[in-house]
Amino acid sequence: MDREFLIDLFADFGPVTIRKMFSGHGISADGINFALSLRAGLFFRADEVTIPDFEAEGSKPFQYSTRAKTVVVNSYWELPARLFDDSDDFVQWARAALAAAQRAKLKTRPKGKKAAKKAAPKKRVAKKAVKKTVRRVGKAKRAHRSK
């Protein structure tokens, strides 16, 4: 799917940001990625609330193959084909996908400066203690060699 098609498809949903991503596009709203356009398929973010709707439509989760195995990504499910022709239903599914992405964001641990500041002093203390021990051992070895 090209960028222009995606812009038209999401027109009734509201403003979205479409960025090149992997072999397709990532679609986001309010700074949250909630859809992927990959390999001529459109995949919406899903969770325990919305997966039953995808299953009822016969949709499958996004998957890709590596040399060793097939990886299934249960957080993105293929959009049912009928929704490409039904703008009202498409918008409802897109809003549900955005809500699933927002719920997922709330579940993740906050990544902020506070978390980094708390962890950093502990590591520095440990490194200082190791450096002091290494210096003492080095001094002791040199003193022992000189005798």
C-alpha atoms as a PDB file:
ATOM      1  CA  MET A   1       0.000   0.000   0.000  1.00  0.00           C
ATOM      2  CA  ASP A   2       1.370   3.357  -0.906  1.00  0.00           C
ATOM      3  CA  ARG A   3       1.308   6.463   1.255  1.00  0.00           C
ATOM      4  CA  GLU A   4      -1.457   8.201  -0.732  1.00  0.00           C
ATOM      5  CA  PHE A   5      -3.774   5.209  -0.375  1.00  0.00           C
ATOM      6  CA  LEU A   6      -3.179   5.171   3.397  1.00  0.00           C
ATOM      7  CA  ILE A   7      -3.890   8.917   3.667  1.00  0.00           C
ATOM      8  CA  ASP A   8      -7.217   8.409   1.893  1.00  0.00           C
ATOM      9  CA  LEU A   9      -8.045   5.325   3.948  1.00  0.00           C
ATOM     10  CA  PHE A  10      -7.542   7.107   7.282  1.00  0.00           C
ATOM     11  CA  ALA A  11      -9.183  10.398   6.197  1.00  0.00           C
ATOM     12  CA  ASP A  12     -12.404   9.764   8.171  1.00  0.00           C
ATOM     13  CA  PHE A  13     -10.440   8.579  11.213  1.00  0.00           C
ATOM     14  CA  GLY A  14      -8.637  11.869  11.682  1.00  0.00           C
ATOM     15  CA  PRO A  15      -5.064  13.083  11.454  1.00  0.00           C
ATOM     16  CA  VAL A  16      -2.426  10.370  11.355  1.00  0.00           C
ATOM     17  CA  THR A  17       1.322  10.344  10.881  1.00  0.00           C
ATOM     18  CA  ILE A  18       2.590   7.902   8.267  1.00  0.00           C
ATOM     19  CA  ARG A  19       6.283   7.033   8.348  1.00  0.00           C
ATOM     20  CA  LYS A  20       8.383   4.602   6.347  1.00  0.00           C
ATOM     21  CA  MET A  21       9.057   1.547   8.455  1.00  0.00           C
ATOM     22  CA  PHE A  22      10.687  -1.773   7.539  1.00  0.00           C
ATOM     23  CA  SER A  23       9.127  -2.818   4.233  1.00  0.00           C
ATOM     24  CA  GLY A  24       6.099  -0.551   4.577  1.00  0.00           C
ATOM     25  CA  HIS A  25       4.699   2.183   6.808  1.00  0.00           C
ATOM     26  CA  GLY A  26       3.952   2.778  10.457  1.00  0.00           C
ATOM     27  CA  ILE A  27       0.750   4.691  11.201  1.00  0.00           C
ATOM     28  CA  SER A  28       0.385   6.686  14.400  1.00  0.00           C
ATOM     29  CA  ALA A  29      -1.969   9.154  16.039  1.00  0.00           C
ATOM     30  CA  ASP A  30      -1.183  11.323  19.040  1.00  0.00           C
ATOM     31  CA  GLY A  31       2.384   9.994  18.917  1.00  0.00           C
ATOM     32  CA  ILE A  32       1.293   6.359  19.375  1.00  0.00           C
ATOM     33  CA  ASN A  33       1.870   3.760  16.654  1.00  0.00           C
ATOM     34  CA  PHE A  34      -1.305   1.721  16.194  1.00  0.00           C
ATOM     35  CA  ALA A  35      -1.132   0.300  12.666  1.00  0.00           C
ATOM     36  CA  LEU A  36       1.397  -1.175  10.248  1.00  0.00           C
ATOM     37  CA  SER A  37       1.162  -1.402   6.493  1.00  0.00           C
ATOM     38  CA  LEU A  38       3.438  -4.270   5.488  1.00  0.00           C
ATOM     39  CA  ARG A  39       3.584  -6.691   2.557  1.00  0.00           C
ATOM     40  CA  ALA A  40       0.373  -5.365   1.020  1.00  0.00           C
ATOM     41  CA  GLY A  41      -1.499  -5.977   4.272  1.00  0.00           C
ATOM     42  CA  LEU A  42      -2.737  -3.622   6.944  1.00  0.00           C
ATOM     43  CA  PHE A  43      -2.254  -4.689  10.561  1.00  0.00           C
ATOM     44  CA  PHE A  44      -3.893  -3.039  13.576  1.00  0.00           C
ATOM     45  CA  ARG A  45      -2.657  -3.067  17.153  1.00  0.00           C
ATOM     46  CA  ALA A  46      -4.589  -5.624  19.214  1.00  0.00           C
ATOM     47  CA  ASP A  47      -4.766  -6.811  22.803  1.00  0.00           C
ATOM     48  CA  GLU A  48      -6.881  -9.101  24.975  1.00  0.00           C
ATOM     49  CA  VAL A  49      -9.845  -6.750  24.500  1.00  0.00           C
ATOM     50  CA  THR A  50      -9.771  -6.599  20.680  1.00  0.00           C
ATOM     51  CA  ILE A  51      -8.256  -9.949  19.625  1.00  0.00           C
ATOM     52  CA  PRO A  52     -11.646 -11.737  19.869  1.00  0.00           C
ATOM     53  CA  ASP A  53     -13.019  -9.320  17.222  1.00  0.00           C
ATOM     54  CA  PHE A  54     -10.166 -10.186  14.859  1.00  0.00           C
ATOM     55  CA  GLU A  55     -10.640 -13.909  15.498  1.00  0.00           C
ATOM     56  CA  ALA A  56     -14.386 -13.621  14.800  1.00  0.00           C
ATOM     57  CA  GLU A  57     -13.553 -12.087  11.407  1.00  0.00           C
ATOM     58  CA  GLY A  58     -11.100 -14.890  10.592  1.00  0.00           C
ATOM     59  CA  SER A  59      -8.054 -12.609  10.795  1.00  0.00           C
ATOM     60  CA  LYS A  60      -4.587 -13.799  11.763  1.00  0.00           C
ATOM     61  CA  PRO A  61      -1.770 -12.124  13.684  1.00  0.00           C
ATOM     62  CA  PHE A  62       1.180 -10.668  11.822  1.00  0.00           C
ATOM     63  CA  GLN A  63       3.938 -13.197  11.259  1.00  0.00           C
ATOM     64  CA  TYR A  64       7.253 -13.420   9.493  1.00  0.00           C
ATOM     65  CA  SER A  65       9.798 -16.138   8.870  1.00  0.00           C
ATOM     66  CA  THR A  66      13.451 -16.246   9.813  1.00  0.00           C
ATOM     67  CA  ARG A  67      15.881 -18.936   8.724  1.00  0.00           C
ATOM     68  CA  ALA A  68      15.165 -20.874  11.900  1.00  0.00           C
ATOM     69  CA  LYS A  69      11.468 -20.331  12.597  1.00  0.00           C
ATOM     70  CA  THR A  70       8.236 -18.436  12.006  1.00  0.00           C
ATOM     71  CA  VAL A  71       7.680 -15.564  14.425  1.00  0.00           C
ATOM     72  CA  VAL A  72       4.096 -14.649  15.332  1.00  0.00           C
ATOM     73  CA  VAL A  73       3.490 -11.084  16.553  1.00  0.00           C
ATOM     74  CA  ASN A  74       0.242 -11.247  18.534  1.00  0.00           C
ATOM     75  CA  SER A  75       0.137  -7.511  19.133  1.00  0.00           C
ATOM     76  CA  TYR A  76      -0.696  -6.753  15.464  1.00  0.00           C
ATOM     77  CA  TRP A  77      -3.514  -8.472  13.562  1.00  0.00           C
ATOM     78  CA  GLU A  78      -4.472  -8.276   9.892  1.00  0.00           C
ATOM     79  CA  LEU A  79      -7.397  -6.006   9.174  1.00  0.00           C
ATOM     80  CA  PRO A  80     -10.407  -7.868   7.730  1.00  0.00           C
ATOM     81  CA  ALA A  81     -10.712  -7.162   3.984  1.00  0.00           C
ATOM     82  CA  ARG A  82     -14.370  -6.060   4.260  1.00  0.00           C
ATOM     83  CA  LEU A  83     -13.320  -2.971   6.247  1.00  0.00           C
ATOM     84  CA  PHE A  84     -11.541  -1.418   3.263  1.00  0.00           C
ATOM     85  CA  ASP A  85     -14.982  -0.799   1.742  1.00  0.00           C
ATOM     86  CA  ASP A  86     -16.809   0.256   4.924  1.00  0.00           C
ATOM     87  CA  SER A  87     -15.541   3.615   6.148  1.00  0.00           C
ATOM     88  CA  ASP A  88     -17.660   3.704   9.335  1.00  0.00           C
ATOM     89  CA  ASP A  89     -16.567   0.255  10.508  1.00  0.00           C
ATOM     90  CA  PHE A  90     -12.979   1.017   9.490  1.00  0.00           C
ATOM     91  CA  VAL A  91     -12.954   4.089  11.744  1.00  0.00           C
ATOM     92  CA  GLN A  92     -14.352   2.058  14.676  1.00  0.00           C
ATOM     93  CA  TRP A  93     -11.649  -0.592  14.256  1.00  0.00           C
ATOM     94  CA  ALA A  94      -8.957   2.081  13.927  1.00  0.00           C
ATOM     95  CA  ARG A  95     -10.132   3.736  17.161  1.00  0.00           C
ATOM     96  CA  ALA A  96     -10.125   0.336  18.894  1.00  0.00           C
ATOM     97  CA  ALA A  97      -6.561  -0.247  17.643  1.00  0.00           C
ATOM     98  CA  LEU A  98      -5.456   3.149  18.961  1.00  0.00           C
ATOM     99  CA  ALA A  99      -7.087   2.353  22.325  1.00  0.00           C
ATOM    100  CA  ALA A 100      -5.222  -0.997  22.416  1.00  0.00           C
ATOM    101  CA  ALA A 101      -1.944   0.802  21.708  1.00  0.00           C
ATOM    102  CA  GLN A 102      -2.687   3.322  24.474  1.00  0.00           C
ATOM    103  CA  ARG A 103      -3.411   0.495  26.937  1.00  0.00           C
ATOM    104  CA  ALA A 104      -0.148  -1.192  25.961  1.00  0.00           C
ATOM    105  CA  LYS A 105       1.737   2.049  26.532  1.00  0.00           C
ATOM    106  CA  LEU A 106       0.287   2.333  30.050  1.00  0.00           C
ATOM    107  CA  LYS A 107       1.444  -1.205  30.866  1.00  0.00           C
ATOM    108  CA  THR A 108       5.062  -0.522  29.956  1.00  0.00           C
ATOM    109  CA  ARG A 109       7.464   0.667  32.595  1.00  0.00           C
ATOM    110  CA  PRO A 110       8.131   4.393  32.510  1.00  0.00           C
ATOM    111  CA  LYS A 111      11.451   5.230  30.885  1.00  0.00           C
ATOM    112  CA  GLY A 112      12.463   8.556  32.302  1.00  0.00           C
ATOM    113  CA  LYS A 113      15.341  10.447  33.771  1.00  0.00           C
ATOM    114  CA  LYS A 114      14.325   9.477  37.307  1.00  0.00           C
ATOM    115  CA  ALA A 115      14.778   5.763  36.639  1.00  0.00           C
ATOM    116  CA  ALA A 116      18.186   6.365  35.050  1.00  0.00           C
ATOM    117  CA  LYS A 117      19.373   8.588  37.926  1.00  0.00           C
ATOM    118  CA  LYS A 118      18.450   6.008  40.556  1.00  0.00           C
ATOM    119  CA  ALA A 119      20.293   3.212  38.764  1.00  0.00           C
ATOM    120  CA  ALA A 120      23.427   5.192  37.874  1.00  0.00           C
ATOM    121  CA  PRO A 121      24.794   5.906  41.388  1.00  0.00           C
ATOM    122  CA  LYS A 122      24.658   2.215  42.329  1.00  0.00           C
ATOM    123  CA  LYS A 123      26.730   1.287  39.292  1.00  0.00           C
ATOM    124  CA  ARG A 124      29.264   4.038  39.995  1.00  0.00           C
ATOM    125  CA  VAL A 125      29.705   2.926  43.594  1.00  0.00           C
ATOM    126  CA  ALA A 126      30.303  -0.635  42.459  1.00  0.00           C
ATOM    127  CA  LYS A 127      32.852   0.473  39.851  1.00  0.00           C
ATOM    128  CA  LYS A 128      34.704   2.613  42.397  1.00  0.00           C
ATOM    129  CA  ALA A 129      34.885  -0.271  44.838  1.00  0.00           C
ATOM    130  CA  VAL A 130      36.253  -2.562  42.138  1.00  0.00           C
ATOM    131  CA  LYS A 131      38.842   0.030  41.075  1.00  0.00           C
ATOM    132  CA  LYS A 132      40.034   0.439  44.677  1.00  0.00           C
ATOM    133  CA  THR A 133      40.324  -3.317  45.104  1.00  0.00           C
ATOM    134  CA  VAL A 134      42.259  -3.644  41.839  1.00  0.00           C
ATOM    135  CA  ARG A 135      44.632  -0.848  42.922  1.00  0.00           C
ATOM    136  CA  ARG A 136      45.245  -2.503  46.302  1.00  0.00           C
ATOM    137  CA  VAL A 137      45.906  -5.876  44.713  1.00  0.00           C
ATOM    138  CA  GLY A 138      48.222  -4.241  42.176  1.00  0.00           C
ATOM    139  CA  LYS A 139      50.167  -2.465  44.954  1.00  0.00           C
ATOM    140  CA  ALA A 140      50.438  -5.672  46.952  1.00  0.00           C
ATOM    141  CA  LYS A 141      51.780  -7.598  43.926  1.00  0.00           C
ATOM    142  CA  ARG A 142      54.346  -4.898  43.163  1.00  0.00           C
ATOM    143  CA  ALA A 143      55.457  -4.809  46.795  1.00  0.00           C
ATOM    144  CA  HIS A 144      55.774  -8.578  46.875  1.00  0.00           C
ATOM    145  CA  ARG A 145      57.834  -8.617  43.634  1.00  0.00           C
ATOM    146  CA  SER A 146      60.256  -6.006  44.924  1.00  0.00           C
ATOM    147  CA  LYS A 147      61.133  -8.084  48.011  1.00  0.00           C
END
